[in-house]
C-alpha atoms as a PDB file:
ATOM      1  CA  MET A   1     -15.542  19.732   7.532  1.00  0.00           C
ATOM      2  CA  ILE A   2     -14.494  16.619   5.567  1.00  0.00           C
ATOM      3  CA  LYS A   3     -12.143  13.982   7.451  1.00  0.00           C
ATOM      4  CA  THR A   4      -8.885  13.345   6.053  1.00  0.00           C
ATOM      5  CA  ASN A   5      -9.582   9.589   6.103  1.00  0.00           C
ATOM      6  CA  ASP A   6     -12.608  10.139   4.280  1.00  0.00           C
ATOM      7  CA  VAL A   7     -10.903  12.143   1.633  1.00  0.00           C
ATOM      8  CA  ILE A   8      -8.457   8.872   1.394  1.00  0.00           C
ATOM      9  CA  THR A   9     -10.511   6.544   1.351  1.00  0.00           C
ATOM     10  CA  GLY A  10     -13.194   7.729  -1.138  1.00  0.00           C
ATOM     11  CA  ALA A  11      -9.784   8.872  -3.599  1.00  0.00           C
ATOM     12  CA  ARG A  12      -8.220   5.376  -3.266  1.00  0.00           C
ATOM     13  CA  SER A  13     -11.607   3.417  -3.845  1.00  0.00           C
ATOM     14  CA  GLN A  14     -12.407   5.858  -7.109  1.00  0.00           C
ATOM     15  CA  LEU A  15      -9.030   4.728  -8.326  1.00  0.00           C
ATOM     16  CA  GLU A  16      -9.077   1.319  -8.065  1.00  0.00           C
ATOM     17  CA  GLU A  17     -12.329   1.482  -9.362  1.00  0.00           C
ATOM     18  CA  LEU A  18     -11.131   3.192 -12.669  1.00  0.00           C
ATOM     19  CA  THR A  19      -7.977   1.683 -13.242  1.00  0.00           C
ATOM     20  CA  GLY A  20      -8.301  -1.758 -11.905  1.00  0.00           C
ATOM     21  CA  LEU A  21      -5.540  -1.858 -10.024  1.00  0.00           C
ATOM     22  CA  MET A  22      -4.942  -1.987  -5.873  1.00  0.00           C
ATOM     23  CA  ALA A  23      -4.435   1.509  -4.407  1.00  0.00           C
ATOM     24  CA  ASN A  24      -1.407   0.438  -2.027  1.00  0.00           C
ATOM     25  CA  HIS A  25      -0.478   3.458   0.158  1.00  0.00           C
ATOM     26  CA  VAL A  26      -0.728   7.169   0.208  1.00  0.00           C
ATOM     27  CA  SER A  27       3.243   8.889  -0.251  1.00  0.00           C
ATOM     28  CA  ASP A  28       2.331  12.305  -0.567  1.00  0.00           C
ATOM     29  CA  MET A  29      -0.469  14.539   0.639  1.00  0.00           C
ATOM     30  CA  SER A  30      -1.264  18.429   1.223  1.00  0.00           C
ATOM     31  CA  HIS A  31      -4.611  20.181   1.411  1.00  0.00           C
ATOM     32  CA  GLU A  32      -5.560  23.636   0.509  1.00  0.00           C
ATOM     33  CA  GLU A  33      -8.219  25.699   1.218  1.00  0.00           C
ATOM     34  CA  SER A  34     -10.702  24.293  -1.638  1.00  0.00           C
ATOM     35  CA  SER A  35      -9.010  21.472  -2.617  1.00  0.00           C
ATOM     36  CA  TRP A  36      -6.960  18.046  -1.816  1.00  0.00           C
ATOM     37  CA  HIS A  37      -3.685  16.557  -3.539  1.00  0.00           C
ATOM     38  CA  LEU A  38      -2.643  13.067  -2.799  1.00  0.00           C
ATOM     39  CA  VAL A  39      -0.411  10.524  -4.597  1.00  0.00           C
ATOM     40  CA  ILE A  40      -1.505   7.136  -4.411  1.00  0.00           C
ATOM     41  CA  ASN A  41       0.826   4.325  -5.198  1.00  0.00           C
ATOM     42  CA  MET A  42      -1.083   1.665  -7.144  1.00  0.00           C
ATOM     43  CA  ILE A  43      -0.120  -2.354  -7.402  1.00  0.00           C
ATOM     44  CA  GLU A  44      -1.630  -4.186 -10.577  1.00  0.00           C
ATOM     45  CA  LEU A  45      -3.249  -7.691  -9.431  1.00  0.00           C
ATOM     46  CA  LYS A  46      -1.965 -10.582 -11.244  1.00  0.00           C
END
């Protein structure tokens, strides 16, 4: 079984790598039988 923290950590890392932005916080999250849905707020580093 996949742990919630592992899902969040993986999603944040992937978004940071793809966008060059920093993941700030998760504002919404849900889990269905076969998928996760996350809303991760990003901030731009200057």
